[in-house]
Amino acid sequence: MVEDNPWQALGLIHSTRDGQPVLTETSLWLLEMQHPEAVEREGGKVLYVYLDKPYRVVRLRDRAYCELVETPGRRKNST
């Protein structure tokens, strides 16, 4: 059975860990290179990605992936 992948248009595989959406560091890097419109940096350290929903990226110590925390109501800044 094929699962629906809402991130397929961006070349990403929708994956979760403990029910939380995640991106590998490599996928995040490729997303920023290939789809810069889907990534927004705020203040140098805070990173948001706009996939099927807006998410704040939370880097985890000693992990090769980042958790994505849904941020309802977040709109991309138009600069």
C-alpha atoms as a PDB file:
ATOM      1  CA  MET A   1       0.000   0.000   0.000  1.00  0.00           C
ATOM      2  CA  VAL A   2       1.427   3.370  -1.017  1.00  0.00           C
ATOM      3  CA  GLU A   3       1.186   6.091   1.625  1.00  0.00           C
ATOM      4  CA  ASP A   4       0.328   9.634   0.572  1.00  0.00           C
ATOM      5  CA  ASN A   5       3.447  11.804   0.734  1.00  0.00           C
ATOM      6  CA  PRO A   6       2.505  15.494   1.147  1.00  0.00           C
ATOM      7  CA  TRP A   7       6.156  16.551   0.702  1.00  0.00           C
ATOM      8  CA  GLN A   8       6.703  14.701  -2.590  1.00  0.00           C
ATOM      9  CA  ALA A   9       6.538  17.876  -4.725  1.00  0.00           C
ATOM     10  CA  LEU A  10       9.639  19.130  -2.881  1.00  0.00           C
ATOM     11  CA  GLY A  11      11.505  15.845  -3.364  1.00  0.00           C
ATOM     12  CA  LEU A  12      11.235  14.873   0.304  1.00  0.00           C
ATOM     13  CA  ILE A  13       9.969  11.770   2.021  1.00  0.00           C
ATOM     14  CA  HIS A  14       7.467  12.470   4.781  1.00  0.00           C
ATOM     15  CA  SER A  15       8.807  10.679   7.835  1.00  0.00           C
ATOM     16  CA  THR A  16       8.135  10.775  11.553  1.00  0.00           C
ATOM     17  CA  ARG A  17       9.832   9.716  14.780  1.00  0.00           C
ATOM     18  CA  ASP A  18       7.568   9.096  17.756  1.00  0.00           C
ATOM     19  CA  GLY A  19       4.735  10.722  15.791  1.00  0.00           C
ATOM     20  CA  GLN A  20       6.690  13.946  15.202  1.00  0.00           C
ATOM     21  CA  PRO A  21       7.589  14.964  11.613  1.00  0.00           C
ATOM     22  CA  VAL A  22      11.343  14.974  11.017  1.00  0.00           C
ATOM     23  CA  LEU A  23      13.854  15.900   8.322  1.00  0.00           C
ATOM     24  CA  THR A  24      17.385  14.619   8.091  1.00  0.00           C
ATOM     25  CA  GLU A  25      20.152  17.214   8.109  1.00  0.00           C
ATOM     26  CA  THR A  26      20.905  16.241   4.493  1.00  0.00           C
ATOM     27  CA  SER A  27      17.268  16.688   3.429  1.00  0.00           C
ATOM     28  CA  LEU A  28      17.154  20.067   5.125  1.00  0.00           C
ATOM     29  CA  TRP A  29      20.320  21.163   3.333  1.00  0.00           C
ATOM     30  CA  LEU A  30      18.973  19.975  -0.035  1.00  0.00           C
ATOM     31  CA  LEU A  31      15.629  21.679   0.605  1.00  0.00           C
ATOM     32  CA  GLU A  32      17.421  24.956   1.250  1.00  0.00           C
ATOM     33  CA  MET A  33      19.517  24.591  -1.932  1.00  0.00           C
ATOM     34  CA  GLN A  34      16.760  23.379  -4.274  1.00  0.00           C
ATOM     35  CA  HIS A  35      13.704  25.155  -2.827  1.00  0.00           C
ATOM     36  CA  PRO A  36      14.862  28.291  -0.986  1.00  0.00           C
ATOM     37  CA  GLU A  37      11.286  29.609  -1.065  1.00  0.00           C
ATOM     38  CA  ALA A  38      10.319  26.827   1.371  1.00  0.00           C
ATOM     39  CA  VAL A  39      12.913  27.854   3.985  1.00  0.00           C
ATOM     40  CA  GLU A  40      13.012  30.970   6.117  1.00  0.00           C
ATOM     41  CA  ARG A  41      15.645  32.019   8.653  1.00  0.00           C
ATOM     42  CA  GLU A  42      14.687  34.374  11.422  1.00  0.00           C
ATOM     43  CA  GLY A  43      17.312  36.076  13.518  1.00  0.00           C
ATOM     44  CA  GLY A  44      20.132  33.787  12.449  1.00  0.00           C
ATOM     45  CA  LYS A  45      19.272  30.738  14.567  1.00  0.00           C
ATOM     46  CA  VAL A  46      15.544  30.115  14.155  1.00  0.00           C
ATOM     47  CA  LEU A  47      14.615  28.210  11.003  1.00  0.00           C
ATOM     48  CA  TYR A  48      11.148  27.644   9.547  1.00  0.00           C
ATOM     49  CA  VAL A  49      10.203  25.353   6.680  1.00  0.00           C
ATOM     50  CA  TYR A  50       7.000  25.562   4.692  1.00  0.00           C
ATOM     51  CA  LEU A  51       6.012  22.083   3.570  1.00  0.00           C
ATOM     52  CA  ASP A  52       2.406  20.878   3.813  1.00  0.00           C
ATOM     53  CA  LYS A  53       2.215  23.136   6.909  1.00  0.00           C
ATOM     54  CA  PRO A  54       4.540  25.714   8.429  1.00  0.00           C
ATOM     55  CA  TYR A  55       7.061  24.148  10.819  1.00  0.00           C
ATOM     56  CA  ARG A  56       9.808  25.411  13.122  1.00  0.00           C
ATOM     57  CA  VAL A  57      12.973  23.323  12.827  1.00  0.00           C
ATOM     58  CA  VAL A  58      14.335  22.006  16.130  1.00  0.00           C
ATOM     59  CA  ARG A  59      17.845  20.611  15.908  1.00  0.00           C
ATOM     60  CA  LEU A  60      18.540  17.731  18.257  1.00  0.00           C
ATOM     61  CA  ARG A  61      21.888  17.171  19.899  1.00  0.00           C
ATOM     62  CA  ASP A  62      23.641  13.993  18.745  1.00  0.00           C
ATOM     63  CA  ARG A  63      21.053  13.273  16.032  1.00  0.00           C
ATOM     64  CA  ALA A  64      21.309  13.371  12.247  1.00  0.00           C
ATOM     65  CA  TYR A  65      17.748  14.614  11.961  1.00  0.00           C
ATOM     66  CA  CYS A  66      15.686  17.619  13.065  1.00  0.00           C
ATOM     67  CA  GLU A  67      12.211  17.611  14.548  1.00  0.00           C
ATOM     68  CA  LEU A  68       9.590  19.765  12.886  1.00  0.00           C
ATOM     69  CA  VAL A  69       7.203  21.539  15.249  1.00  0.00           C
ATOM     70  CA  GLU A  70       3.997  22.699  13.615  1.00  0.00           C
ATOM     71  CA  THR A  71       3.502  26.456  13.907  1.00  0.00           C
ATOM     72  CA  PRO A  72      -0.161  27.128  13.073  1.00  0.00           C
ATOM     73  CA  GLY A  73      -0.812  30.624  11.805  1.00  0.00           C
ATOM     74  CA  ARG A  74       2.811  31.205  10.788  1.00  0.00           C
ATOM     75  CA  ARG A  75       3.058  33.114   7.531  1.00  0.00           C
ATOM     76  CA  LYS A  76       6.203  33.453   5.478  1.00  0.00           C
ATOM     77  CA  ASN A  77       7.701  36.927   5.594  1.00  0.00           C
ATOM     78  CA  SER A  78       7.692  38.521   2.147  1.00  0.00           C
ATOM     79  CA  THR A  79      10.998  40.353   1.902  1.00  0.00           C
END
